[in-house]
Amino acid sequence: MIVFNRQRLICIAMTLLFFSQFGFASTQAHGNKTINISNAWSPAAPAVAPTRVGYFSITNASNKTTSIVDVTSPLFAQANFHETRIINGITSMSAMGEIVLKPKHSIIFEPNGMHLMLVNATASLAEVKSIPLILNLSDGQQIQLELIVTAPIATSALAIEKMNQSTHAHH
C-alpha cells in the first residue's frame, strides 16, 4: 500500500483535477450479451507522460459470477486495477487483484475510487484518440473495448478549494 503525506497528496490531487474529466465522453455500450461496458474514457495527459488512467462502467447481465483476471493494452506495458481510499484523512492507493463481477451487478471505475492504471507507454501517445483494451475474464471470454481520450480540464481556484476541503478535517 502507498501512503501519501499532505504535500504529496495535494500535488497528486491537483494533477488528477487537472487531467480528470468529470463527464463521460463515451456512452457506447460494448458487450457480448452478458457483459456490458459503457462510459469508457481516459483523460488526456501530456504526450510525454508514460502513465494514463482509465474509467468505465461494467455490468454483468448474466446469472453467473465471473471475474476480470487480466487486462492488457497494446499501448502500455502494464495495465492494473487500483483503488483509491481516504481513511482518517490519509489517501492511499493500492493495487487490486481479480475484479469479481457478480450476477446482475455493475461496477463503476471512476476518479477517486476504483480505476485502471495504464503504465509504461510502449508507443507515442501524442495523437492517440482512444486506448484499446482487452479484458480477460475467468470464464475464458475476452472483451475488447476502447477508452475514449477526453480533453483535460483546467484547475480553477474553486476546484483547488474543494480539493483542500476534502483533504483535511475542520474543527
C-alpha atoms as a PDB file:
ATOM      1  CA  MET A   1       0.000   0.000   0.000  1.00  0.00           C
ATOM      2  CA  ILE A   2       1.207   3.523  -0.795  1.00  0.00           C
ATOM      3  CA  VAL A   3       0.646   6.210   1.867  1.00  0.00           C
ATOM      4  CA  PHE A   4       0.855   9.895   0.950  1.00  0.00           C
ATOM      5  CA  ASN A   5       1.811  12.862   3.103  1.00  0.00           C
ATOM      6  CA  ARG A   6      -0.272  16.061   2.821  1.00  0.00           C
ATOM      7  CA  GLN A   7       2.072  17.879   0.406  1.00  0.00           C
ATOM      8  CA  ARG A   8       2.298  14.883  -1.925  1.00  0.00           C
ATOM      9  CA  LEU A   9      -1.469  14.354  -1.664  1.00  0.00           C
ATOM     10  CA  ILE A  10      -2.112  17.951  -2.704  1.00  0.00           C
ATOM     11  CA  CYS A  11       0.271  17.571  -5.656  1.00  0.00           C
ATOM     12  CA  ILE A  12      -1.407  14.337  -6.760  1.00  0.00           C
ATOM     13  CA  ALA A  13      -4.902  15.750  -6.244  1.00  0.00           C
ATOM     14  CA  MET A  14      -4.056  18.846  -8.299  1.00  0.00           C
ATOM     15  CA  THR A  15      -2.677  16.632 -11.064  1.00  0.00           C
ATOM     16  CA  LEU A  16      -5.807  14.471 -11.004  1.00  0.00           C
ATOM     17  CA  LEU A  17      -8.020  17.552 -11.041  1.00  0.00           C
ATOM     18  CA  PHE A  18      -6.090  18.932 -14.000  1.00  0.00           C
ATOM     19  CA  PHE A  19      -6.198  15.717 -16.005  1.00  0.00           C
ATOM     20  CA  SER A  20      -9.621  14.426 -14.966  1.00  0.00           C
ATOM     21  CA  GLN A  21     -12.800  14.844 -16.924  1.00  0.00           C
ATOM     22  CA  PHE A  22     -15.934  14.894 -14.761  1.00  0.00           C
ATOM     23  CA  GLY A  23     -18.300  13.951 -17.579  1.00  0.00           C
ATOM     24  CA  PHE A  24     -18.208  10.837 -19.704  1.00  0.00           C
ATOM     25  CA  ALA A  25     -17.063  11.064 -23.296  1.00  0.00           C
ATOM     26  CA  SER A  26     -18.445   7.767 -24.445  1.00  0.00           C
ATOM     27  CA  THR A  27     -21.895   6.371 -23.905  1.00  0.00           C
ATOM     28  CA  GLN A  28     -21.469   3.459 -26.263  1.00  0.00           C
ATOM     29  CA  ALA A  29     -22.200   0.061 -24.806  1.00  0.00           C
ATOM     30  CA  HIS A  30     -19.619  -2.569 -25.607  1.00  0.00           C
ATOM     31  CA  GLY A  31     -20.526  -6.073 -24.817  1.00  0.00           C
ATOM     32  CA  ASN A  32     -21.218  -9.601 -25.740  1.00  0.00           C
ATOM     33  CA  LYS A  33     -24.743 -10.376 -24.396  1.00  0.00           C
ATOM     34  CA  THR A  34     -23.640 -10.975 -20.800  1.00  0.00           C
ATOM     35  CA  ILE A  35     -21.023  -8.290 -20.085  1.00  0.00           C
ATOM     36  CA  ASN A  36     -21.767  -4.684 -20.992  1.00  0.00           C
ATOM     37  CA  ILE A  37     -19.317  -1.826 -20.813  1.00  0.00           C
ATOM     38  CA  SER A  38     -20.223   1.842 -21.094  1.00  0.00           C
ATOM     39  CA  ASN A  39     -18.766   5.294 -20.434  1.00  0.00           C
ATOM     40  CA  ALA A  40     -15.216   4.170 -21.234  1.00  0.00           C
ATOM     41  CA  TRP A  41     -12.867   7.155 -21.100  1.00  0.00           C
ATOM     42  CA  SER A  42      -9.392   8.360 -20.191  1.00  0.00           C
ATOM     43  CA  PRO A  43      -8.467  11.995 -19.555  1.00  0.00           C
ATOM     44  CA  ALA A  44      -5.768  13.380 -21.806  1.00  0.00           C
ATOM     45  CA  ALA A  45      -2.315  13.952 -20.368  1.00  0.00           C
ATOM     46  CA  PRO A  46       0.910  15.389 -21.794  1.00  0.00           C
ATOM     47  CA  ALA A  47       2.261  13.154 -24.555  1.00  0.00           C
ATOM     48  CA  VAL A  48       5.463  12.589 -22.559  1.00  0.00           C
ATOM     49  CA  ALA A  49       3.568  11.183 -19.555  1.00  0.00           C
ATOM     50  CA  PRO A  50       4.075   7.384 -19.642  1.00  0.00           C
ATOM     51  CA  THR A  51       1.022   6.645 -17.466  1.00  0.00           C
ATOM     52  CA  ARG A  52      -2.692   7.072 -18.065  1.00  0.00           C
ATOM     53  CA  VAL A  53      -5.811   6.245 -16.098  1.00  0.00           C
ATOM     54  CA  GLY A  54      -8.989   4.619 -17.379  1.00  0.00           C
ATOM     55  CA  TYR A  55     -12.580   4.756 -16.247  1.00  0.00           C
ATOM     56  CA  PHE A  56     -15.681   2.824 -17.309  1.00  0.00           C
ATOM     57  CA  SER A  57     -18.792   1.055 -16.084  1.00  0.00           C
ATOM     58  CA  ILE A  58     -19.141  -2.707 -16.427  1.00  0.00           C
ATOM     59  CA  THR A  59     -22.311  -4.746 -15.914  1.00  0.00           C
ATOM     60  CA  ASN A  60     -22.637  -8.499 -15.629  1.00  0.00           C
ATOM     61  CA  ALA A  61     -26.100  -9.111 -17.127  1.00  0.00           C
ATOM     62  CA  SER A  62     -25.824 -12.889 -16.718  1.00  0.00           C
ATOM     63  CA  ASN A  63     -26.869 -15.178 -13.888  1.00  0.00           C
ATOM     64  CA  LYS A  64     -23.279 -16.355 -13.287  1.00  0.00           C
ATOM     65  CA  THR A  65     -20.386 -14.785 -11.414  1.00  0.00           C
ATOM     66  CA  THR A  66     -17.283 -14.105 -13.469  1.00  0.00           C
ATOM     67  CA  SER A  67     -14.096 -12.096 -12.862  1.00  0.00           C
ATOM     68  CA  ILE A  68     -11.728  -9.864 -14.758  1.00  0.00           C
ATOM     69  CA  VAL A  69      -8.475 -11.772 -14.290  1.00  0.00           C
ATOM     70  CA  ASP A  70      -6.254  -9.650 -16.540  1.00  0.00           C
ATOM     71  CA  VAL A  71      -6.335  -6.530 -18.681  1.00  0.00           C
ATOM     72  CA  THR A  72      -3.942  -5.648 -21.486  1.00  0.00           C
ATOM     73  CA  SER A  73      -3.382  -2.816 -23.943  1.00  0.00           C
ATOM     74  CA  PRO A  74      -1.034  -2.769 -26.926  1.00  0.00           C
ATOM     75  CA  LEU A  75      -0.089   0.804 -25.951  1.00  0.00           C
ATOM     76  CA  PHE A  76       1.128   0.014 -22.412  1.00  0.00           C
ATOM     77  CA  ALA A  77       3.484  -2.487 -20.812  1.00  0.00           C
ATOM     78  CA  GLN A  78       1.192  -2.888 -17.799  1.00  0.00           C
ATOM     79  CA  ALA A  79      -2.471  -2.418 -17.003  1.00  0.00           C
ATOM     80  CA  ASN A  80      -3.703  -2.930 -13.439  1.00  0.00           C
ATOM     81  CA  PHE A  81      -6.752  -2.095 -11.404  1.00  0.00           C
ATOM     82  CA  HIS A  82      -6.225   0.137  -8.371  1.00  0.00           C
ATOM     83  CA  GLU A  83      -8.407   1.616  -5.680  1.00  0.00           C
ATOM     84  CA  THR A  84      -8.020   4.992  -4.021  1.00  0.00           C
ATOM     85  CA  ARG A  85      -9.197   5.217  -0.406  1.00  0.00           C
ATOM     86  CA  ILE A  86      -9.287   8.002   2.131  1.00  0.00           C
ATOM     87  CA  ILE A  87      -9.105   6.728   5.714  1.00  0.00           C
ATOM     88  CA  ASN A  88      -8.747   9.160   8.629  1.00  0.00           C
ATOM     89  CA  GLY A  89      -7.748  11.905   6.196  1.00  0.00           C
ATOM     90  CA  ILE A  90      -4.964   9.860   4.622  1.00  0.00           C
ATOM     91  CA  THR A  91      -5.265   8.947   0.958  1.00  0.00           C
ATOM     92  CA  SER A  92      -3.813   5.686  -0.220  1.00  0.00           C
ATOM     93  CA  MET A  93      -3.874   3.777  -3.458  1.00  0.00           C
ATOM     94  CA  SER A  94      -3.459   0.033  -3.668  1.00  0.00           C
ATOM     95  CA  ALA A  95      -3.432  -2.498  -6.471  1.00  0.00           C
ATOM     96  CA  MET A  96      -6.400  -4.814  -6.759  1.00  0.00           C
ATOM     97  CA  GLY A  97      -6.400  -8.439  -7.855  1.00  0.00           C
ATOM     98  CA  GLU A  98      -9.243 -10.027  -9.776  1.00  0.00           C
ATOM     99  CA  ILE A  99     -12.361  -7.917 -10.169  1.00  0.00           C
ATOM    100  CA  VAL A 100     -15.357 -10.089  -9.283  1.00  0.00           C
ATOM    101  CA  LEU A 101     -18.435  -9.392 -11.398  1.00  0.00           C
ATOM    102  CA  LYS A 102     -21.473 -10.672  -9.517  1.00  0.00           C
ATOM    103  CA  PRO A 103     -24.608 -11.607 -11.484  1.00  0.00           C
ATOM    104  CA  LYS A 104     -26.880  -8.694 -12.386  1.00  0.00           C
ATOM    105  CA  HIS A 105     -24.488  -6.156 -10.815  1.00  0.00           C
ATOM    106  CA  SER A 106     -22.465  -3.227 -12.096  1.00  0.00           C
ATOM    107  CA  ILE A 107     -19.107  -1.810 -11.080  1.00  0.00           C
ATOM    108  CA  ILE A 108     -18.082   1.750 -11.821  1.00  0.00           C
ATOM    109  CA  PHE A 109     -14.411   2.628 -12.260  1.00  0.00           C
ATOM    110  CA  GLU A 110     -14.231   6.355 -11.561  1.00  0.00           C
ATOM    111  CA  PRO A 111     -11.986   9.146 -10.262  1.00  0.00           C
ATOM    112  CA  ASN A 112     -11.159   8.830  -6.546  1.00  0.00           C
ATOM    113  CA  GLY A 113     -12.307   5.215  -6.459  1.00  0.00           C
ATOM    114  CA  MET A 114     -11.548   2.060  -8.395  1.00  0.00           C
ATOM    115  CA  HIS A 115      -9.743   2.801 -11.648  1.00  0.00           C
ATOM    116  CA  LEU A 116      -7.499   1.279 -14.280  1.00  0.00           C
ATOM    117  CA  MET A 117      -3.834   2.314 -14.255  1.00  0.00           C
ATOM    118  CA  LEU A 118      -2.065   2.085 -17.618  1.00  0.00           C
ATOM    119  CA  VAL A 119       1.688   2.151 -17.038  1.00  0.00           C
ATOM    120  CA  ASN A 120       4.785   2.483 -19.233  1.00  0.00           C
ATOM    121  CA  ALA A 121       3.541   3.543 -22.646  1.00  0.00           C
ATOM    122  CA  THR A 122       5.073   1.419 -25.402  1.00  0.00           C
ATOM    123  CA  ALA A 123       4.414   3.971 -28.152  1.00  0.00           C
ATOM    124  CA  SER A 124       3.960   7.709 -28.554  1.00  0.00           C
ATOM    125  CA  LEU A 125       0.629   8.865 -27.171  1.00  0.00           C
ATOM    126  CA  ALA A 126       0.766  12.290 -28.838  1.00  0.00           C
ATOM    127  CA  GLU A 127      -2.008  11.654 -31.378  1.00  0.00           C
ATOM    128  CA  VAL A 128      -3.906   8.918 -29.542  1.00  0.00           C
ATOM    129  CA  LYS A 129      -7.692   9.459 -29.597  1.00  0.00           C
ATOM    130  CA  SER A 130      -8.586   6.136 -27.960  1.00  0.00           C
ATOM    131  CA  ILE A 131      -6.832   3.441 -25.954  1.00  0.00           C
ATOM    132  CA  PRO A 132      -7.607  -0.165 -26.918  1.00  0.00           C
ATOM    133  CA  LEU A 133      -8.017  -2.678 -24.088  1.00  0.00           C
ATOM    134  CA  ILE A 134      -8.676  -6.379 -23.750  1.00  0.00           C
ATOM    135  CA  LEU A 135     -10.338  -7.632 -20.576  1.00  0.00           C
ATOM    136  CA  ASN A 136      -9.695 -11.340 -19.960  1.00  0.00           C
ATOM    137  CA  LEU A 137     -12.439 -12.981 -17.926  1.00  0.00           C
ATOM    138  CA  SER A 138     -12.279 -16.058 -15.701  1.00  0.00           C
ATOM    139  CA  ASP A 139     -14.711 -17.901 -17.991  1.00  0.00           C
ATOM    140  CA  GLY A 140     -12.351 -17.514 -20.961  1.00  0.00           C
ATOM    141  CA  GLN A 141     -14.134 -14.594 -22.604  1.00  0.00           C
ATOM    142  CA  GLN A 142     -12.167 -11.660 -23.948  1.00  0.00           C
ATOM    143  CA  ILE A 143     -13.858  -8.274 -24.052  1.00  0.00           C
ATOM    144  CA  GLN A 144     -12.358  -5.693 -26.404  1.00  0.00           C
ATOM    145  CA  LEU A 145     -13.058  -2.049 -25.734  1.00  0.00           C
ATOM    146  CA  GLU A 146     -11.623   1.393 -26.271  1.00  0.00           C
ATOM    147  CA  LEU A 147     -11.200   4.193 -23.773  1.00  0.00           C
ATOM    148  CA  ILE A 148     -12.046   7.472 -25.497  1.00  0.00           C
ATOM    149  CA  VAL A 149      -9.380  10.069 -24.717  1.00  0.00           C
ATOM    150  CA  THR A 150     -11.126  13.194 -23.445  1.00  0.00           C
ATOM    151  CA  ALA A 151      -9.829  16.726 -23.129  1.00  0.00           C
ATOM    152  CA  PRO A 152      -8.349  17.594 -19.728  1.00  0.00           C
ATOM    153  CA  ILE A 153      -9.952  20.319 -17.702  1.00  0.00           C
ATOM    154  CA  ALA A 154      -8.040  23.240 -16.226  1.00  0.00           C
ATOM    155  CA  THR A 155      -7.793  23.544 -12.476  1.00  0.00           C
ATOM    156  CA  SER A 156      -9.575  26.523 -11.029  1.00  0.00           C
ATOM    157  CA  ALA A 157      -9.473  28.240  -7.655  1.00  0.00           C
ATOM    158  CA  LEU A 158     -12.848  26.647  -6.824  1.00  0.00           C
ATOM    159  CA  ALA A 159     -11.616  23.153  -7.730  1.00  0.00           C
ATOM    160  CA  ILE A 160      -8.486  23.630  -5.608  1.00  0.00           C
ATOM    161  CA  GLU A 161     -10.607  24.876  -2.685  1.00  0.00           C
ATOM    162  CA  LYS A 162     -12.899  21.829  -2.940  1.00  0.00           C
ATOM    163  CA  MET A 163      -9.840  19.572  -3.043  1.00  0.00           C
ATOM    164  CA  ASN A 164      -8.395  21.285   0.056  1.00  0.00           C
ATOM    165  CA  GLN A 165     -11.688  20.875   1.927  1.00  0.00           C
ATOM    166  CA  SER A 166     -11.775  17.164   1.176  1.00  0.00           C
ATOM    167  CA  THR A 167      -8.169  16.507   2.261  1.00  0.00           C
ATOM    168  CA  HIS A 168      -8.234  17.790   5.823  1.00  0.00           C
ATOM    169  CA  ALA A 169     -10.673  17.865   8.703  1.00  0.00           C
ATOM    170  CA  HIS A 170     -12.163  21.091  10.008  1.00  0.00           C
ATOM    171  CA  HIS A 171     -12.508  21.667  13.764  1.00  0.00           C
END
